[in-house]
PDB file of N, CA and C in Angstrom:
ATOM      1  N   MET A   1       1.284  -1.208  -0.244  1.00  0.00           N
ATOM      2  CA  MET A   1      -0.237  -0.080   0.098  1.00  0.00           C
ATOM      3  C   MET A   1       1.168   1.485   0.269  1.00  0.00           C
ATOM      4  N   CYS A   2       0.653   2.762  -0.826  1.00  0.00           N
ATOM      5  CA  CYS A   2       1.604   3.625  -0.911  1.00  0.00           C
ATOM      6  C   CYS A   2       1.413   4.371   0.344  1.00  0.00           C
ATOM      7  N   PRO A   3       2.780   4.914   0.856  1.00  0.00           N
ATOM      8  CA  PRO A   3       2.296   5.893   1.824  1.00  0.00           C
ATOM      9  C   PRO A   3       1.249   7.102   1.821  1.00  0.00           C
ATOM     10  N   ASP A   4       0.938   7.518   1.074  1.00  0.00           N
ATOM     11  CA  ASP A   4      -0.411   8.747   0.804  1.00  0.00           C
ATOM     12  C   ASP A   4      -1.637   7.374   0.981  1.00  0.00           C
ATOM     13  N   CYS A   5      -1.890   6.851   0.599  1.00  0.00           N
ATOM     14  CA  CYS A   5      -2.835   5.719   0.434  1.00  0.00           C
ATOM     15  C   CYS A   5      -3.303   5.795   2.037  1.00  0.00           C
ATOM     16  N   MET A   6      -2.561   4.914   3.304  1.00  0.00           N
ATOM     17  CA  MET A   6      -2.254   4.936   4.224  1.00  0.00           C
ATOM     18  C   MET A   6      -2.951   6.246   5.052  1.00  0.00           C
ATOM     19  N   VAL A   7      -2.293   7.352   4.416  1.00  0.00           N
ATOM     20  CA  VAL A   7      -2.101   8.677   5.213  1.00  0.00           C
ATOM     21  C   VAL A   7      -4.239   8.522   5.449  1.00  0.00           C
ATOM     22  N   THR A   8      -4.588   8.280   3.995  1.00  0.00           N
ATOM     23  CA  THR A   8      -5.598   9.204   3.292  1.00  0.00           C
ATOM     24  C   THR A   8      -6.788   7.362   4.353  1.00  0.00           C
ATOM     25  N   ASP A   9      -6.225   6.421   4.000  1.00  0.00           N
ATOM     26  CA  ASP A   9      -7.088   5.498   5.094  1.00  0.00           C
ATOM     27  C   ASP A   9      -7.148   6.028   6.591  1.00  0.00           C
ATOM     28  N   ALA A  10      -6.170   6.377   6.951  1.00  0.00           N
ATOM     29  CA  ALA A  10      -5.954   6.665   8.553  1.00  0.00           C
ATOM     30  C   ALA A  10      -6.848   7.624   8.845  1.00  0.00           C
ATOM     31  N   ALA A  11      -7.097   8.721   7.694  1.00  0.00           N
ATOM     32  CA  ALA A  11      -8.397  10.252   8.213  1.00  0.00           C
ATOM     33  C   ALA A  11      -9.096   8.932   8.222  1.00  0.00           C
ATOM     34  N   MET A  12      -9.631   9.272   6.703  1.00  0.00           N
ATOM     35  CA  MET A  12     -11.281   8.926   6.697  1.00  0.00           C
ATOM     36  C   MET A  12     -11.821   7.484   7.556  1.00  0.00           C
ATOM     37  N   SER A  13     -10.462   6.733   8.294  1.00  0.00           N
ATOM     38  CA  SER A  13     -10.944   6.351   9.432  1.00  0.00           C
ATOM     39  C   SER A  13     -10.996   6.694  11.089  1.00  0.00           C
ATOM     40  N   LYS A  14     -10.099   8.006  10.567  1.00  0.00           N
ATOM     41  CA  LYS A  14     -10.897   8.526  12.114  1.00  0.00           C
ATOM     42  C   LYS A  14     -12.366   9.098  12.047  1.00  0.00           C
ATOM     43  N   GLN A  15     -12.267   9.572  10.959  1.00  0.00           N
ATOM     44  CA  GLN A  15     -13.648  10.197  10.933  1.00  0.00           C
ATOM     45  C   GLN A  15     -15.192   9.414  10.337  1.00  0.00           C
ATOM     46  N   ALA A  16     -14.898   8.135  10.286  1.00  0.00           N
ATOM     47  CA  ALA A  16     -16.031   7.301  10.212  1.00  0.00           C
ATOM     48  C   ALA A  16     -16.136   6.953  12.088  1.00  0.00           C
ATOM     49  N   TYR A  17     -14.803   6.770  12.542  1.00  0.00           N
ATOM     50  CA  TYR A  17     -14.923   6.270  14.039  1.00  0.00           C
ATOM     51  C   TYR A  17     -15.677   7.300  15.334  1.00  0.00           C
ATOM     52  N   LYS A  18     -15.384   8.844  14.901  1.00  0.00           N
ATOM     53  CA  LYS A  18     -16.190   9.438  14.720  1.00  0.00           C
ATOM     54  C   LYS A  18     -17.481   9.645  13.998  1.00  0.00           C
ATOM     55  N   GLU A  19     -18.033   9.727  13.646  1.00  0.00           N
ATOM     56  CA  GLU A  19     -19.543   9.300  13.388  1.00  0.00           C
ATOM     57  C   GLU A  19     -20.186   8.693  14.086  1.00  0.00           C
ATOM     58  N   ILE A  20     -18.983   6.805  14.382  1.00  0.00           N
ATOM     59  CA  ILE A  20     -19.938   5.824  14.769  1.00  0.00           C
ATOM     60  C   ILE A  20     -20.160   6.246  16.089  1.00  0.00           C
ATOM     61  N   ILE A  21     -18.980   7.355  16.893  1.00  0.00           N
ATOM     62  CA  ILE A  21     -19.312   6.976  18.253  1.00  0.00           C
ATOM     63  C   ILE A  21     -20.428   8.000  18.884  1.00  0.00           C
ATOM     64  N   ALA A  22     -20.692   9.075  18.119  1.00  0.00           N
ATOM     65  CA  ALA A  22     -22.353  10.580  17.594  1.00  0.00           C
ATOM     66  C   ALA A  22     -23.392   9.290  17.960  1.00  0.00           C
ATOM     67  N   GLN A  23     -22.709   8.604  16.796  1.00  0.00           N
ATOM     68  CA  GLN A  23     -24.419   8.383  16.576  1.00  0.00           C
ATOM     69  C   GLN A  23     -24.610   7.064  17.602  1.00  0.00           C
ATOM     70  N   TYR A  24     -23.721   6.295  18.132  1.00  0.00           N
ATOM     71  CA  TYR A  24     -24.134   5.284  18.966  1.00  0.00           C
ATOM     72  C   TYR A  24     -22.880   4.527  20.012  1.00  0.00           C
ATOM     73  N   GLY A  25     -22.934   6.075  20.600  1.00  0.00           N
ATOM     74  CA  GLY A  25     -21.482   6.008  21.038  1.00  0.00           C
ATOM     75  C   GLY A  25     -22.607   5.471  23.202  1.00  0.00           C
ATOM     76  N   ASN A  26     -23.837   5.552  23.526  1.00  0.00           N
ATOM     77  CA  ASN A  26     -24.173   5.069  24.758  1.00  0.00           C
ATOM     78  C   ASN A  26     -24.634   3.590  24.500  1.00  0.00           C
ATOM     79  N   ARG A  27     -24.174   3.029  23.164  1.00  0.00           N
ATOM     80  CA  ARG A  27     -25.139   1.851  22.721  1.00  0.00           C
ATOM     81  C   ARG A  27     -23.775   0.967  22.100  1.00  0.00           C
ATOM     82  N   ILE A  28     -22.670   1.761  22.376  1.00  0.00           N
ATOM     83  CA  ILE A  28     -21.271   0.378  22.328  1.00  0.00           C
ATOM     84  C   ILE A  28     -21.677  -0.624  23.320  1.00  0.00           C
ATOM     85  N   LEU A  29     -21.166  -1.621  23.660  1.00  0.00           N
ATOM     86  CA  LEU A  29     -20.883  -2.334  24.684  1.00  0.00           C
ATOM     87  C   LEU A  29     -19.706  -2.095  25.381  1.00  0.00           C
ATOM     88  N   PRO A  30     -19.456  -2.744  26.402  1.00  0.00           N
ATOM     89  CA  PRO A  30     -18.021  -2.376  27.441  1.00  0.00           C
ATOM     90  C   PRO A  30     -17.101  -3.555  26.647  1.00  0.00           C
ATOM     91  N   GLN A  31     -15.771  -2.807  26.859  1.00  0.00           N
ATOM     92  CA  GLN A  31     -14.852  -4.482  26.292  1.00  0.00           C
ATOM     93  C   GLN A  31     -14.994  -5.884  27.022  1.00  0.00           C
ATOM     94  N   ASN A  32     -15.618  -5.359  28.201  1.00  0.00           N
ATOM     95  CA  ASN A  32     -15.799  -6.928  28.987  1.00  0.00           C
ATOM     96  C   ASN A  32     -16.826  -7.965  29.138  1.00  0.00           C
ATOM     97  N   HIS A  33     -17.413  -7.361  27.691  1.00  0.00           N
ATOM     98  CA  HIS A  33     -18.865  -7.960  27.959  1.00  0.00           C
ATOM     99  C   HIS A  33     -18.366  -8.827  27.136  1.00  0.00           C
ATOM    100  N   PRO A  34     -19.588  -9.436  27.055  1.00  0.00           N
ATOM    101  CA  PRO A  34     -19.490 -11.853  26.628  1.00  0.00           C
ATOM    102  C   PRO A  34     -19.118 -10.861  24.831  1.00  0.00           C
ATOM    103  N   TYR A  35     -20.339 -10.265  24.172  1.00  0.00           N
ATOM    104  CA  TYR A  35     -20.082 -10.125  23.266  1.00  0.00           C
ATOM    105  C   TYR A  35     -19.154  -9.216  22.069  1.00  0.00           C
ATOM    106  N   THR A  36     -18.757  -8.644  23.254  1.00  0.00           N
ATOM    107  CA  THR A  36     -17.478  -7.903  22.605  1.00  0.00           C
ATOM    108  C   THR A  36     -16.263  -8.912  22.718  1.00  0.00           C
ATOM    109  N   ILE A  37     -16.295  -9.693  23.554  1.00  0.00           N
ATOM    110  CA  ILE A  37     -14.940 -10.130  23.865  1.00  0.00           C
ATOM    111  C   ILE A  37     -14.658 -11.791  22.652  1.00  0.00           C
ATOM    112  N   TYR A  38     -16.137 -11.904  22.812  1.00  0.00           N
ATOM    113  CA  TYR A  38     -16.639 -12.793  21.266  1.00  0.00           C
ATOM    114  C   TYR A  38     -16.102 -12.387  20.134  1.00  0.00           C
ATOM    115  N   VAL A  39     -16.338 -11.474  19.757  1.00  0.00           N
ATOM    116  CA  VAL A  39     -15.938 -11.168  18.442  1.00  0.00           C
ATOM    117  C   VAL A  39     -14.169 -10.565  18.006  1.00  0.00           C
ATOM    118  N   ARG A  40     -14.131 -10.076  18.973  1.00  0.00           N
ATOM    119  CA  ARG A  40     -13.182  -9.441  19.609  1.00  0.00           C
ATOM    120  C   ARG A  40     -11.842 -11.009  18.856  1.00  0.00           C
ATOM    121  N   ARG A  41     -12.359 -12.166  20.000  1.00  0.00           N
ATOM    122  CA  ARG A  41     -11.831 -13.192  19.510  1.00  0.00           C
ATOM    123  C   ARG A  41     -12.205 -13.746  18.086  1.00  0.00           C
ATOM    124  N   ILE A  42     -12.837 -13.686  17.436  1.00  0.00           N
ATOM    125  CA  ILE A  42     -13.020 -14.293  16.508  1.00  0.00           C
ATOM    126  C   ILE A  42     -11.976 -13.290  14.935  1.00  0.00           C
ATOM    127  N   ALA A  43     -11.950 -11.449  15.441  1.00  0.00           N
ATOM    128  CA  ALA A  43     -11.341 -10.512  14.914  1.00  0.00           C
ATOM    129  C   ALA A  43     -10.103 -10.632  14.658  1.00  0.00           C
ATOM    130  N   LYS A  44      -9.755 -11.441  15.998  1.00  0.00           N
ATOM    131  CA  LYS A  44      -8.048 -12.209  16.204  1.00  0.00           C
ATOM    132  C   LYS A  44      -7.636 -12.729  15.470  1.00  0.00           C
ATOM    133  N   ARG A  45      -8.278 -13.440  15.275  1.00  0.00           N
ATOM    134  CA  ARG A  45      -7.832 -14.831  14.193  1.00  0.00           C
ATOM    135  C   ARG A  45      -8.134 -14.690  12.728  1.00  0.00           C
ATOM    136  N   ILE A  46      -9.330 -13.167  12.826  1.00  0.00           N
ATOM    137  CA  ILE A  46      -9.019 -13.236  11.206  1.00  0.00           C
ATOM    138  C   ILE A  46      -8.172 -12.011  11.004  1.00  0.00           C
ATOM    139  N   ILE A  47      -7.596 -11.452  11.162  1.00  0.00           N
ATOM    140  CA  ILE A  47      -6.228 -10.559  11.636  1.00  0.00           C
ATOM    141  C   ILE A  47      -4.887 -11.209  11.468  1.00  0.00           C
ATOM    142  N   GLN A  48      -4.475 -12.818  12.168  1.00  0.00           N
ATOM    143  CA  GLN A  48      -3.829 -13.227  11.963  1.00  0.00           C
ATOM    144  C   GLN A  48      -3.441 -13.982  10.536  1.00  0.00           C
ATOM    145  N   VAL A  49      -4.637 -14.137   9.653  1.00  0.00           N
ATOM    146  CA  VAL A  49      -4.726 -14.731   8.388  1.00  0.00           C
ATOM    147  C   VAL A  49      -4.720 -13.720   7.636  1.00  0.00           C
ATOM    148  N   SER A  50      -4.804 -12.196   7.835  1.00  0.00           N
ATOM    149  CA  SER A  50      -4.598 -11.404   6.705  1.00  0.00           C
ATOM    150  C   SER A  50      -4.148 -10.851   5.945  1.00  0.00           C
ATOM    151  N   GLY A  51      -2.763 -10.979   6.741  1.00  0.00           N
ATOM    152  CA  GLY A  51      -1.329 -10.255   6.823  1.00  0.00           C
ATOM    153  C   GLY A  51      -1.485  -8.543   7.067  1.00  0.00           C
ATOM    154  N   MET A  52      -2.359  -8.583   8.269  1.00  0.00           N
ATOM    155  CA  MET A  52      -2.635  -7.268   8.136  1.00  0.00           C
ATOM    156  C   MET A  52      -2.412  -7.022   9.414  1.00  0.00           C
ATOM    157  N   GLN A  53      -1.334  -8.015  10.286  1.00  0.00           N
ATOM    158  CA  GLN A  53      -1.073  -7.737  11.868  1.00  0.00           C
ATOM    159  C   GLN A  53      -0.960  -6.538  12.169  1.00  0.00           C
ATOM    160  N   ASN A  54      -0.215  -5.685  11.599  1.00  0.00           N
ATOM    161  CA  ASN A  54       0.908  -4.757  11.995  1.00  0.00           C
ATOM    162  C   ASN A  54       0.273  -3.215  11.968  1.00  0.00           C
ATOM    163  N   LEU A  55      -1.263  -3.915  11.717  1.00  0.00           N
ATOM    164  CA  LEU A  55      -1.840  -2.337  11.984  1.00  0.00           C
ATOM    165  C   LEU A  55      -2.566  -2.303  13.214  1.00  0.00           C
ATOM    166  N   ASN A  56      -3.608  -0.909  13.420  1.00  0.00           N
ATOM    167  CA  ASN A  56      -4.025  -0.935  15.485  1.00  0.00           C
ATOM    168  C   ASN A  56      -5.554  -1.248  14.457  1.00  0.00           C
ATOM    169  N   TRP A  57      -5.902  -1.968  14.867  1.00  0.00           N
ATOM    170  CA  TRP A  57      -7.307  -2.693  14.856  1.00  0.00           C
ATOM    171  C   TRP A  57      -8.053  -2.991  16.125  1.00  0.00           C
ATOM    172  N   GLU A  58      -9.003  -2.148  16.192  1.00  0.00           N
ATOM    173  CA  GLU A  58     -10.019  -1.858  17.550  1.00  0.00           C
ATOM    174  C   GLU A  58     -11.873  -2.178  17.147  1.00  0.00           C
ATOM    175  N   PHE A  59     -11.884  -3.313  17.654  1.00  0.00           N
ATOM    176  CA  PHE A  59     -13.288  -3.796  17.518  1.00  0.00           C
ATOM    177  C   PHE A  59     -14.441  -3.063  18.437  1.00  0.00           C
ATOM    178  N   TYR A  60     -15.716  -2.795  17.950  1.00  0.00           N
ATOM    179  CA  TYR A  60     -16.880  -2.305  19.327  1.00  0.00           C
ATOM    180  C   TYR A  60     -18.067  -3.539  18.544  1.00  0.00           C
ATOM    181  N   VAL A  61     -18.822  -3.037  19.732  1.00  0.00           N
ATOM    182  CA  VAL A  61     -20.255  -4.398  19.377  1.00  0.00           C
ATOM    183  C   VAL A  61     -21.344  -2.367  19.738  1.00  0.00           C
ATOM    184  N   ILE A  62     -22.206  -2.985  19.026  1.00  0.00           N
ATOM    185  CA  ILE A  62     -22.930  -1.601  19.227  1.00  0.00           C
ATOM    186  C   ILE A  62     -24.338  -2.561  19.372  1.00  0.00           C
ATOM    187  N   ASP A  63     -24.823  -2.296  20.267  1.00  0.00           N
ATOM    188  CA  ASP A  63     -25.834  -2.708  20.956  1.00  0.00           C
ATOM    189  C   ASP A  63     -27.274  -2.117  20.384  1.00  0.00           C
ATOM    190  N   SER A  64     -27.591  -2.594  19.549  1.00  0.00           N
ATOM    191  CA  SER A  64     -29.237  -2.290  18.270  1.00  0.00           C
ATOM    192  C   SER A  64     -30.120  -3.284  18.396  1.00  0.00           C
ATOM    193  N   PRO A  65     -30.812  -3.165  17.692  1.00  0.00           N
ATOM    194  CA  PRO A  65     -32.270  -3.522  17.133  1.00  0.00           C
ATOM    195  C   PRO A  65     -31.809  -4.269  15.579  1.00  0.00           C
ATOM    196  N   GLU A  66     -31.093  -3.499  15.060  1.00  0.00           N
ATOM    197  CA  GLU A  66     -31.223  -3.247  13.627  1.00  0.00           C
ATOM    198  C   GLU A  66     -30.411  -4.772  13.165  1.00  0.00           C
ATOM    199  N   LYS A  67     -30.433  -5.433  12.676  1.00  0.00           N
ATOM    200  CA  LYS A  67     -29.868  -5.953  11.557  1.00  0.00           C
ATOM    201  C   LYS A  67     -28.607  -6.149  10.728  1.00  0.00           C
TER     202      LYS A  67
END
């Protein structure tokens, strides 16, 4: 990936994060919630085989009736 692309991706990720927090902040499950632990465990396995272990990954689970 080109360095300029990484900067653009990082900026887009930060903006998306801010928008998600603004919209769902009060419905994000805590890091110690069983659903969050489950999602993080699966995500960790996916990251290991993705070849993108060097990126800073963060996962949040939103308590929402939407599917």
